[in-house]
């Protein structure tokens, strides 16, 4: 997922997604200069089953 898609999913601003990713609070990968997120990892984080 892209940063914009994650922001829509979590109902937070795009800048907050970048901030949380840089802090290591959102699981992500970097592809070049872009951040990518896996939906199952985000859903597990929201469910509380992953830290």
PDB file of N, CA and C in Angstrom:
ATOM      1  N   UNK A   1       0.846  -1.169   0.000  1.00  0.00           N
ATOM      2  CA  UNK A   1       0.000   0.000   0.000  1.00  0.00           C
ATOM      3  C   UNK A   1       0.894   1.236   0.000  1.00  0.00           C
ATOM      4  N   UNK A   2       0.387   2.302  -0.564  1.00  0.00           N
ATOM      5  CA  UNK A   2       1.116   3.560  -0.574  1.00  0.00           C
ATOM      6  C   UNK A   2       0.800   4.348   0.692  1.00  0.00           C
ATOM      7  N   UNK A   3       1.524   5.427   0.895  1.00  0.00           N
ATOM      8  CA  UNK A   3       1.300   6.288   2.053  1.00  0.00           C
ATOM      9  C   UNK A   3      -0.121   6.853   2.028  1.00  0.00           C
ATOM     10  N   UNK A   4      -0.583   7.251   0.875  1.00  0.00           N
ATOM     11  CA  UNK A   4      -1.937   7.804   0.757  1.00  0.00           C
ATOM     12  C   UNK A   4      -2.999   6.766   1.108  1.00  0.00           C
ATOM     13  N   UNK A   5      -2.805   5.544   0.658  1.00  0.00           N
ATOM     14  CA  UNK A   5      -3.759   4.480   0.967  1.00  0.00           C
ATOM     15  C   UNK A   5      -3.790   4.175   2.463  1.00  0.00           C
ATOM     16  N   UNK A   6      -2.625   4.190   3.094  1.00  0.00           N
ATOM     17  CA  UNK A   6      -2.559   3.950   4.539  1.00  0.00           C
ATOM     18  C   UNK A   6      -3.236   5.087   5.290  1.00  0.00           C
ATOM     19  N   UNK A   7      -3.012   6.307   4.847  1.00  0.00           N
ATOM     20  CA  UNK A   7      -3.650   7.464   5.485  1.00  0.00           C
ATOM     21  C   UNK A   7      -5.170   7.345   5.402  1.00  0.00           C
ATOM     22  N   UNK A   8      -5.688   6.921   4.259  1.00  0.00           N
ATOM     23  CA  UNK A   8      -7.132   6.725   4.109  1.00  0.00           C
ATOM     24  C   UNK A   8      -7.631   5.599   5.013  1.00  0.00           C
ATOM     25  N   UNK A   9      -6.885   4.498   5.061  1.00  0.00           N
ATOM     26  CA  UNK A   9      -7.274   3.349   5.881  1.00  0.00           C
ATOM     27  C   UNK A   9      -7.334   3.724   7.364  1.00  0.00           C
ATOM     28  N   UNK A  10      -6.336   4.463   7.825  1.00  0.00           N
ATOM     29  CA  UNK A  10      -6.247   4.807   9.243  1.00  0.00           C
ATOM     30  C   UNK A  10      -6.953   6.117   9.585  1.00  0.00           C
ATOM     31  N   UNK A  11      -7.409   6.829   8.574  1.00  0.00           N
ATOM     32  CA  UNK A  11      -8.079   8.120   8.742  1.00  0.00           C
ATOM     33  C   UNK A  11      -7.188   9.108   9.487  1.00  0.00           C
ATOM     34  N   UNK A  12      -5.928   9.205   9.017  1.00  0.00           N
ATOM     35  CA  UNK A  12      -4.968  10.158   9.568  1.00  0.00           C
ATOM     36  C   UNK A  12      -4.293  10.889   8.413  1.00  0.00           C
ATOM     37  N   UNK A  13      -3.684  12.021   8.686  1.00  0.00           N
ATOM     38  CA  UNK A  13      -3.001  12.754   7.617  1.00  0.00           C
ATOM     39  C   UNK A  13      -1.782  11.998   7.080  1.00  0.00           C
ATOM     40  N   UNK A  14      -1.441  12.259   5.843  1.00  0.00           N
ATOM     41  CA  UNK A  14      -0.285  11.641   5.198  1.00  0.00           C
ATOM     42  C   UNK A  14       0.985  11.951   5.990  1.00  0.00           C
ATOM     43  N   UNK A  15       1.110  13.159   6.487  1.00  0.00           N
ATOM     44  CA  UNK A  15       2.306  13.535   7.247  1.00  0.00           C
ATOM     45  C   UNK A  15       2.458  12.681   8.498  1.00  0.00           C
ATOM     46  N   UNK A  16       1.365  12.280   9.114  1.00  0.00           N
ATOM     47  CA  UNK A  16       1.413  11.432  10.296  1.00  0.00           C
ATOM     48  C   UNK A  16       1.865  10.027   9.932  1.00  0.00           C
ATOM     49  N   UNK A  17       1.463   9.533   8.769  1.00  0.00           N
ATOM     50  CA  UNK A  17       1.916   8.214   8.309  1.00  0.00           C
ATOM     51  C   UNK A  17       3.436   8.233   8.152  1.00  0.00           C
ATOM     52  N   UNK A  18       3.969   9.274   7.511  1.00  0.00           N
ATOM     53  CA  UNK A  18       5.426   9.391   7.365  1.00  0.00           C
ATOM     54  C   UNK A  18       6.099   9.445   8.733  1.00  0.00           C
ATOM     55  N   UNK A  19       5.551  10.222   9.639  1.00  0.00           N
ATOM     56  CA  UNK A  19       6.125  10.370  10.980  1.00  0.00           C
ATOM     57  C   UNK A  19       6.154   9.025  11.704  1.00  0.00           C
ATOM     58  N   UNK A  20       5.029   8.307  11.707  1.00  0.00           N
ATOM     59  CA  UNK A  20       4.949   7.019  12.397  1.00  0.00           C
ATOM     60  C   UNK A  20       5.875   5.985  11.758  1.00  0.00           C
ATOM     61  N   UNK A  21       6.014   6.021  10.449  1.00  0.00           N
ATOM     62  CA  UNK A  21       6.914   5.095   9.758  1.00  0.00           C
ATOM     63  C   UNK A  21       8.367   5.393  10.137  1.00  0.00           C
ATOM     64  N   UNK A  22       8.739   6.667  10.152  1.00  0.00           N
ATOM     65  CA  UNK A  22      10.110   7.035  10.535  1.00  0.00           C
ATOM     66  C   UNK A  22      10.415   6.660  11.976  1.00  0.00           C
ATOM     67  N   UNK A  23       9.419   6.728  12.835  1.00  0.00           N
ATOM     68  CA  UNK A  23       9.590   6.366  14.241  1.00  0.00           C
ATOM     69  C   UNK A  23       9.614   4.855  14.451  1.00  0.00           C
ATOM     70  N   UNK A  24       9.270   4.082  13.416  1.00  0.00           N
ATOM     71  CA  UNK A  24       9.243   2.626  13.517  1.00  0.00           C
ATOM     72  C   UNK A  24       7.960   2.096  14.124  1.00  0.00           C
ATOM     73  N   UNK A  25       6.946   2.939  14.214  1.00  0.00           N
ATOM     74  CA  UNK A  25       5.679   2.531  14.811  1.00  0.00           C
ATOM     75  C   UNK A  25       4.717   1.925  13.805  1.00  0.00           C
ATOM     76  N   UNK A  26       4.999   2.080  12.513  1.00  0.00           N
ATOM     77  CA  UNK A  26       4.223   1.432  11.452  1.00  0.00           C
ATOM     78  C   UNK A  26       5.177   0.551  10.660  1.00  0.00           C
ATOM     79  N   UNK A  27       4.836  -0.731  10.487  1.00  0.00           N
ATOM     80  CA  UNK A  27       5.713  -1.615   9.707  1.00  0.00           C
ATOM     81  C   UNK A  27       5.707  -1.198   8.230  1.00  0.00           C
ATOM     82  N   UNK A  28       6.892  -1.049   7.675  1.00  0.00           N
ATOM     83  CA  UNK A  28       6.993  -0.596   6.293  1.00  0.00           C
ATOM     84  C   UNK A  28       8.288  -1.078   5.665  1.00  0.00           C
ATOM     85  N   UNK A  29       8.390  -0.880   4.370  1.00  0.00           N
ATOM     86  CA  UNK A  29       9.617  -1.112   3.610  1.00  0.00           C
ATOM     87  C   UNK A  29       9.854   0.118   2.761  1.00  0.00           C
ATOM     88  N   UNK A  30      11.114   0.368   2.478  1.00  0.00           N
ATOM     89  CA  UNK A  30      11.440   1.466   1.581  1.00  0.00           C
ATOM     90  C   UNK A  30      11.773   0.881   0.221  1.00  0.00           C
ATOM     91  N   UNK A  31      11.183   1.433  -0.810  1.00  0.00           N
ATOM     92  CA  UNK A  31      11.487   1.069  -2.186  1.00  0.00           C
ATOM     93  C   UNK A  31      11.962   2.354  -2.847  1.00  0.00           C
ATOM     94  N   UNK A  32      13.278   2.474  -2.958  1.00  0.00           N
ATOM     95  CA  UNK A  32      13.829   3.736  -3.430  1.00  0.00           C
ATOM     96  C   UNK A  32      13.541   4.811  -2.402  1.00  0.00           C
ATOM     97  N   UNK A  33      12.853   5.852  -2.819  1.00  0.00           N
ATOM     98  CA  UNK A  33      12.513   6.944  -1.910  1.00  0.00           C
ATOM     99  C   UNK A  33      11.085   6.838  -1.384  1.00  0.00           C
ATOM    100  N   UNK A  34      10.381   5.788  -1.761  1.00  0.00           N
ATOM    101  CA  UNK A  34       8.983   5.656  -1.348  1.00  0.00           C
ATOM    102  C   UNK A  34       8.830   4.644  -0.215  1.00  0.00           C
ATOM    103  N   UNK A  35       7.786   4.835   0.559  1.00  0.00           N
ATOM    104  CA  UNK A  35       7.441   3.910   1.625  1.00  0.00           C
ATOM    105  C   UNK A  35       6.339   2.992   1.106  1.00  0.00           C
ATOM    106  N   UNK A  36       6.424   1.707   1.448  1.00  0.00           N
ATOM    107  CA  UNK A  36       5.383   0.741   1.087  1.00  0.00           C
ATOM    108  C   UNK A  36       4.977  -0.025   2.338  1.00  0.00           C
ATOM    109  N   UNK A  37       3.699  -0.326   2.412  1.00  0.00           N
ATOM    110  CA  UNK A  37       3.138  -0.991   3.578  1.00  0.00           C
ATOM    111  C   UNK A  37       2.358  -2.215   3.127  1.00  0.00           C
ATOM    112  N   UNK A  38       2.371  -3.259   3.950  1.00  0.00           N
ATOM    113  CA  UNK A  38       1.587  -4.457   3.679  1.00  0.00           C
ATOM    114  C   UNK A  38       0.321  -4.405   4.527  1.00  0.00           C
ATOM    115  N   UNK A  39      -0.812  -4.517   3.875  1.00  0.00           N
ATOM    116  CA  UNK A  39      -2.094  -4.415   4.574  1.00  0.00           C
ATOM    117  C   UNK A  39      -2.246  -5.430   5.709  1.00  0.00           C
ATOM    118  N   UNK A  40      -1.850  -6.709   5.518  1.00  0.00           N
ATOM    119  CA  UNK A  40      -1.992  -7.659   6.630  1.00  0.00           C
ATOM    120  C   UNK A  40      -1.197  -7.246   7.875  1.00  0.00           C
ATOM    121  N   UNK A  41      -0.025  -6.662   7.678  1.00  0.00           N
ATOM    122  CA  UNK A  41       0.771  -6.197   8.821  1.00  0.00           C
ATOM    123  C   UNK A  41       0.077  -5.040   9.531  1.00  0.00           C
ATOM    124  N   UNK A  42      -0.499  -4.131   8.773  1.00  0.00           N
ATOM    125  CA  UNK A  42      -1.207  -3.001   9.375  1.00  0.00           C
ATOM    126  C   UNK A  42      -2.454  -3.476  10.117  1.00  0.00           C
ATOM    127  N   UNK A  43      -3.179  -4.423   9.528  1.00  0.00           N
ATOM    128  CA  UNK A  43      -4.376  -4.950  10.181  1.00  0.00           C
ATOM    129  C   UNK A  43      -4.013  -5.687  11.468  1.00  0.00           C
ATOM    130  N   UNK A  44      -2.905  -6.428  11.454  1.00  0.00           N
ATOM    131  CA  UNK A  44      -2.455  -7.115  12.671  1.00  0.00           C
ATOM    132  C   UNK A  44      -2.081  -6.107  13.743  1.00  0.00           C
ATOM    133  N   UNK A  45      -1.456  -5.015  13.339  1.00  0.00           N
ATOM    134  CA  UNK A  45      -1.089  -3.971  14.290  1.00  0.00           C
ATOM    135  C   UNK A  45      -2.351  -3.337  14.896  1.00  0.00           C
ATOM    136  N   UNK A  46      -3.341  -3.097  14.079  1.00  0.00           N
ATOM    137  CA  UNK A  46      -4.582  -2.514  14.567  1.00  0.00           C
ATOM    138  C   UNK A  46      -5.345  -3.470  15.484  1.00  0.00           C
ATOM    139  N   UNK A  47      -5.241  -4.770  15.205  1.00  0.00           N
ATOM    140  CA  UNK A  47      -5.903  -5.774  16.039  1.00  0.00           C
ATOM    141  C   UNK A  47      -5.177  -5.983  17.363  1.00  0.00           C
ATOM    142  N   UNK A  48      -3.925  -5.509  17.422  1.00  0.00           N
ATOM    143  CA  UNK A  48      -3.155  -5.662  18.646  1.00  0.00           C
ATOM    144  C   UNK A  48      -2.391  -6.966  18.725  1.00  0.00           C
ATOM    145  N   UNK A  49      -2.371  -7.731  17.643  1.00  0.00           N
ATOM    146  CA  UNK A  49      -1.685  -9.012  17.670  1.00  0.00           C
ATOM    147  C   UNK A  49      -0.216  -8.894  17.277  1.00  0.00           C
ATOM    148  N   UNK A  50       0.226  -7.691  16.882  1.00  0.00           N
ATOM    149  CA  UNK A  50       1.622  -7.461  16.500  1.00  0.00           C
ATOM    150  C   UNK A  50       2.056  -6.148  17.103  1.00  0.00           C
ATOM    151  N   UNK A  51       3.298  -6.083  17.517  1.00  0.00           N
ATOM    152  CA  UNK A  51       3.795  -4.840  18.083  1.00  0.00           C
ATOM    153  C   UNK A  51       4.845  -4.237  17.273  1.00  0.00           C
TER     154      UNK A  51
END
